[in-house]
């Protein structure tokens, strides 16, 4: 993951299953040093959206109802932005 895409952004994969979305995400050491905690983010979002989620700072996942995709993206953006901006304060 350290050499894929932009090192300043985590990578997310969303797979649509019947009635559910399976989300997988990966970060890198650089992002974790700058405040990223994907496990906490996935757990918090999944709980809000009646799903299951969790993992580690650098790798995590969640399963949520399919109709909650846009809510997931909105909340995810808020949480990740907040996590990464705390390090800069």
N, C-alpha and C. Protein backbone atom coordinates (compact mmCIF):
# COMPACT_ATOMS: atom_id res chain seq x y z
N UNK A 1 0.82 -1.20 0.00
CA UNK A 1 0.00 0.00 0.00
C UNK A 1 0.86 1.25 0.00
N UNK A 2 2.07 1.15 0.50
CA UNK A 2 2.93 2.32 0.57
C UNK A 2 3.30 2.88 -0.79
N UNK A 3 3.12 2.10 -1.84
CA UNK A 3 3.55 2.55 -3.16
C UNK A 3 2.40 2.61 -4.17
N UNK A 4 1.18 2.50 -3.72
CA UNK A 4 0.01 2.56 -4.60
C UNK A 4 -0.64 3.93 -4.47
N UNK A 5 -0.91 4.54 -5.60
CA UNK A 5 -1.65 5.80 -5.63
C UNK A 5 -0.96 6.91 -4.83
N UNK A 6 -1.75 7.73 -4.18
CA UNK A 6 -1.26 8.90 -3.46
C UNK A 6 -1.02 8.53 -1.99
N UNK A 7 0.21 8.70 -1.52
CA UNK A 7 0.52 8.29 -0.14
C UNK A 7 -0.22 9.14 0.89
N UNK A 8 -0.81 10.25 0.49
CA UNK A 8 -1.51 11.13 1.42
C UNK A 8 -3.01 10.87 1.48
N UNK A 9 -3.45 9.77 0.86
CA UNK A 9 -4.87 9.42 0.88
C UNK A 9 -5.02 7.91 1.10
N UNK A 10 -5.93 7.51 1.98
CA UNK A 10 -6.20 6.09 2.14
C UNK A 10 -6.96 5.56 0.92
N UNK A 11 -6.91 4.26 0.73
CA UNK A 11 -7.57 3.59 -0.39
C UNK A 11 -8.79 2.84 0.12
N UNK A 12 -9.93 3.02 -0.55
CA UNK A 12 -11.18 2.35 -0.16
C UNK A 12 -11.73 1.55 -1.32
N UNK A 13 -12.25 0.38 -1.00
CA UNK A 13 -12.91 -0.48 -1.97
C UNK A 13 -14.32 -0.74 -1.46
N UNK A 14 -15.31 -0.56 -2.32
CA UNK A 14 -16.71 -0.83 -1.95
C UNK A 14 -17.24 -1.88 -2.92
N UNK A 15 -17.69 -3.01 -2.37
CA UNK A 15 -18.24 -4.11 -3.16
C UNK A 15 -19.72 -4.22 -2.82
N UNK A 16 -20.56 -4.19 -3.86
CA UNK A 16 -22.01 -4.29 -3.65
C UNK A 16 -22.43 -5.75 -3.67
N UNK A 17 -23.04 -6.16 -2.58
CA UNK A 17 -23.62 -7.49 -2.44
C UNK A 17 -25.13 -7.29 -2.31
N UNK A 18 -25.92 -8.34 -2.42
CA UNK A 18 -27.37 -8.16 -2.23
C UNK A 18 -27.67 -7.54 -0.85
N UNK A 19 -28.20 -6.36 -0.86
CA UNK A 19 -28.64 -5.64 0.34
C UNK A 19 -27.50 -5.11 1.22
N UNK A 20 -26.25 -5.36 0.85
CA UNK A 20 -25.14 -4.91 1.69
C UNK A 20 -24.00 -4.33 0.85
N UNK A 21 -23.22 -3.49 1.51
CA UNK A 21 -21.96 -3.02 0.94
C UNK A 21 -20.83 -3.55 1.82
N UNK A 22 -19.81 -4.10 1.19
CA UNK A 22 -18.63 -4.56 1.91
C UNK A 22 -17.52 -3.56 1.59
N UNK A 23 -17.01 -2.93 2.62
CA UNK A 23 -16.00 -1.89 2.45
C UNK A 23 -14.68 -2.38 3.04
N UNK A 24 -13.61 -2.19 2.28
CA UNK A 24 -12.28 -2.51 2.74
C UNK A 24 -11.43 -1.26 2.55
N UNK A 25 -10.54 -0.98 3.49
CA UNK A 25 -9.72 0.22 3.36
C UNK A 25 -8.31 -0.05 3.87
N UNK A 26 -7.38 0.67 3.26
CA UNK A 26 -5.98 0.56 3.63
C UNK A 26 -5.35 1.95 3.68
N UNK A 27 -4.46 2.12 4.63
CA UNK A 27 -3.69 3.34 4.73
C UNK A 27 -2.22 2.99 4.62
N UNK A 28 -1.38 3.79 5.23
CA UNK A 28 0.05 3.51 5.24
C UNK A 28 0.65 4.15 6.50
N UNK A 29 1.91 3.89 6.73
CA UNK A 29 2.57 4.40 7.94
C UNK A 29 2.58 5.92 7.99
N UNK A 30 2.76 6.53 6.84
CA UNK A 30 2.76 7.99 6.77
C UNK A 30 1.43 8.55 7.28
N UNK A 31 0.32 7.99 6.82
CA UNK A 31 -1.01 8.47 7.23
C UNK A 31 -1.27 8.20 8.71
N UNK A 32 -0.86 7.03 9.20
CA UNK A 32 -1.05 6.72 10.62
C UNK A 32 -0.26 7.70 11.48
N UNK A 33 0.96 8.02 11.08
CA UNK A 33 1.76 9.01 11.83
C UNK A 33 1.08 10.38 11.84
N UNK A 34 0.24 10.62 10.84
CA UNK A 34 -0.45 11.90 10.74
C UNK A 34 -1.87 11.86 11.28
N UNK A 35 -2.21 10.80 12.03
CA UNK A 35 -3.48 10.76 12.74
C UNK A 35 -4.52 9.78 12.23
N UNK A 36 -4.28 9.09 11.14
CA UNK A 36 -5.26 8.17 10.57
C UNK A 36 -5.50 6.97 11.48
N UNK A 37 -6.76 6.62 11.70
CA UNK A 37 -7.15 5.40 12.40
C UNK A 37 -8.36 4.83 11.69
N UNK A 38 -8.11 4.00 10.68
CA UNK A 38 -9.19 3.43 9.87
C UNK A 38 -10.09 2.52 10.69
N UNK A 39 -9.54 1.76 11.64
CA UNK A 39 -10.35 0.87 12.47
C UNK A 39 -11.39 1.64 13.26
N UNK A 40 -10.98 2.73 13.89
CA UNK A 40 -11.92 3.56 14.65
C UNK A 40 -12.96 4.18 13.73
N UNK A 41 -12.53 4.63 12.56
CA UNK A 41 -13.46 5.24 11.60
C UNK A 41 -14.51 4.23 11.14
N UNK A 42 -14.07 3.03 10.76
CA UNK A 42 -15.02 2.01 10.25
C UNK A 42 -15.98 1.57 11.34
N UNK A 43 -15.49 1.43 12.56
CA UNK A 43 -16.36 1.03 13.67
C UNK A 43 -17.43 2.10 13.93
N UNK A 44 -17.02 3.35 13.98
CA UNK A 44 -17.94 4.45 14.26
C UNK A 44 -18.99 4.60 13.15
N UNK A 45 -18.55 4.56 11.91
CA UNK A 45 -19.48 4.72 10.79
C UNK A 45 -20.46 3.55 10.73
N UNK A 46 -19.95 2.34 10.83
CA UNK A 46 -20.81 1.16 10.75
C UNK A 46 -21.87 1.17 11.85
N UNK A 47 -21.46 1.56 13.05
CA UNK A 47 -22.41 1.62 14.17
C UNK A 47 -23.54 2.60 13.85
N UNK A 48 -23.18 3.78 13.30
CA UNK A 48 -24.18 4.79 12.95
C UNK A 48 -25.13 4.33 11.86
N UNK A 49 -24.65 3.45 10.99
CA UNK A 49 -25.44 3.04 9.82
C UNK A 49 -26.00 1.63 9.94
N UNK A 50 -26.09 1.12 11.17
CA UNK A 50 -26.65 -0.21 11.42
C UNK A 50 -25.88 -1.33 10.73
N UNK A 51 -24.56 -1.25 10.80
CA UNK A 51 -23.71 -2.27 10.21
C UNK A 51 -22.67 -2.73 11.20
N UNK A 52 -21.64 -3.37 10.69
CA UNK A 52 -20.52 -3.86 11.51
C UNK A 52 -19.21 -3.38 10.89
N UNK A 53 -18.28 -3.00 11.73
CA UNK A 53 -17.00 -2.56 11.20
C UNK A 53 -15.95 -2.47 12.26
N UNK A 54 -14.71 -2.37 11.82
CA UNK A 54 -13.58 -2.24 12.72
C UNK A 54 -12.31 -2.63 12.03
N UNK A 55 -11.27 -2.81 12.81
CA UNK A 55 -9.98 -3.19 12.26
C UNK A 55 -8.85 -2.49 12.97
N UNK A 56 -7.83 -2.16 12.22
CA UNK A 56 -6.61 -1.55 12.74
C UNK A 56 -6.44 -0.15 12.18
N UNK A 57 -5.46 0.57 12.68
CA UNK A 57 -5.23 1.93 12.19
C UNK A 57 -4.97 1.95 10.70
N UNK A 58 -4.22 0.98 10.21
CA UNK A 58 -3.78 1.00 8.81
C UNK A 58 -4.65 0.14 7.88
N UNK A 59 -5.48 -0.74 8.42
CA UNK A 59 -6.33 -1.61 7.61
C UNK A 59 -7.61 -1.93 8.36
N UNK A 60 -8.74 -1.78 7.68
CA UNK A 60 -10.02 -2.00 8.35
C UNK A 60 -11.10 -2.30 7.31
N UNK A 61 -12.31 -2.55 7.81
CA UNK A 61 -13.42 -2.82 6.91
C UNK A 61 -14.75 -2.66 7.61
N UNK A 62 -15.79 -2.71 6.80
CA UNK A 62 -17.15 -2.58 7.34
C UNK A 62 -18.14 -3.23 6.38
N UNK A 63 -19.28 -3.60 6.94
CA UNK A 63 -20.42 -4.06 6.16
C UNK A 63 -21.60 -3.21 6.60
N UNK A 64 -22.27 -2.58 5.63
CA UNK A 64 -23.40 -1.70 5.93
C UNK A 64 -24.53 -1.97 4.95
N UNK A 65 -25.76 -1.53 5.28
CA UNK A 65 -26.87 -1.68 4.34
C UNK A 65 -26.56 -0.93 3.03
N UNK A 66 -26.92 -1.53 1.91
CA UNK A 66 -26.60 -0.97 0.60
C UNK A 66 -27.16 0.44 0.39
N UNK A 67 -28.32 0.72 0.93
CA UNK A 67 -28.93 2.04 0.74
C UNK A 67 -28.24 3.15 1.52
N UNK A 68 -27.25 2.80 2.31
CA UNK A 68 -26.52 3.79 3.14
C UNK A 68 -25.20 4.23 2.49
N UNK A 69 -24.98 3.93 1.22
CA UNK A 69 -23.70 4.23 0.58
C UNK A 69 -23.34 5.72 0.64
N UNK A 70 -24.25 6.59 0.27
CA UNK A 70 -23.95 8.01 0.27
C UNK A 70 -23.72 8.53 1.68
N UNK A 71 -24.49 8.03 2.65
CA UNK A 71 -24.27 8.40 4.05
C UNK A 71 -22.87 7.97 4.49
N UNK A 72 -22.47 6.77 4.10
CA UNK A 72 -21.14 6.27 4.44
C UNK A 72 -20.07 7.21 3.91
N UNK A 73 -20.16 7.58 2.66
CA UNK A 73 -19.14 8.44 2.04
C UNK A 73 -19.09 9.80 2.73
N UNK A 74 -20.24 10.35 3.05
CA UNK A 74 -20.29 11.66 3.72
C UNK A 74 -19.64 11.60 5.10
N UNK A 75 -20.02 10.62 5.90
CA UNK A 75 -19.48 10.49 7.25
C UNK A 75 -17.99 10.15 7.20
N UNK A 76 -17.61 9.27 6.29
CA UNK A 76 -16.21 8.90 6.13
C UNK A 76 -15.35 10.12 5.84
N UNK A 77 -15.78 10.95 4.93
CA UNK A 77 -15.03 12.15 4.58
C UNK A 77 -14.84 13.05 5.81
N UNK A 78 -15.89 13.21 6.60
CA UNK A 78 -15.80 14.05 7.81
C UNK A 78 -14.80 13.47 8.81
N UNK A 79 -14.89 12.17 9.06
CA UNK A 79 -14.03 11.54 10.06
C UNK A 79 -12.57 11.55 9.63
N UNK A 80 -12.30 11.15 8.40
CA UNK A 80 -10.91 11.09 7.93
C UNK A 80 -10.30 12.50 7.88
N UNK A 81 -11.07 13.47 7.40
CA UNK A 81 -10.58 14.84 7.37
C UNK A 81 -10.24 15.31 8.78
N UNK A 82 -11.11 15.01 9.73
CA UNK A 82 -10.88 15.39 11.13
C UNK A 82 -9.64 14.69 11.70
N UNK A 83 -9.51 13.40 11.46
CA UNK A 83 -8.36 12.68 11.98
C UNK A 83 -7.05 13.27 11.45
N UNK A 84 -6.98 13.53 10.17
CA UNK A 84 -5.74 14.00 9.57
C UNK A 84 -5.47 15.47 9.87
N UNK A 85 -6.50 16.24 10.18
CA UNK A 85 -6.27 17.65 10.48
C UNK A 85 -5.82 17.85 11.93
N UNK A 86 -6.11 16.91 12.81
CA UNK A 86 -5.69 17.02 14.22
C UNK A 86 -4.18 17.05 14.36
N UNK A 87 -3.49 16.30 13.52
CA UNK A 87 -2.03 16.23 13.60
C UNK A 87 -1.40 17.58 13.26
N UNK A 88 -2.08 18.35 12.40
CA UNK A 88 -1.53 19.61 11.93
C UNK A 88 -1.72 20.74 12.95
N UNK A 89 -2.59 20.56 13.92
CA UNK A 89 -2.88 21.63 14.90
C UNK A 89 -1.74 21.86 15.85
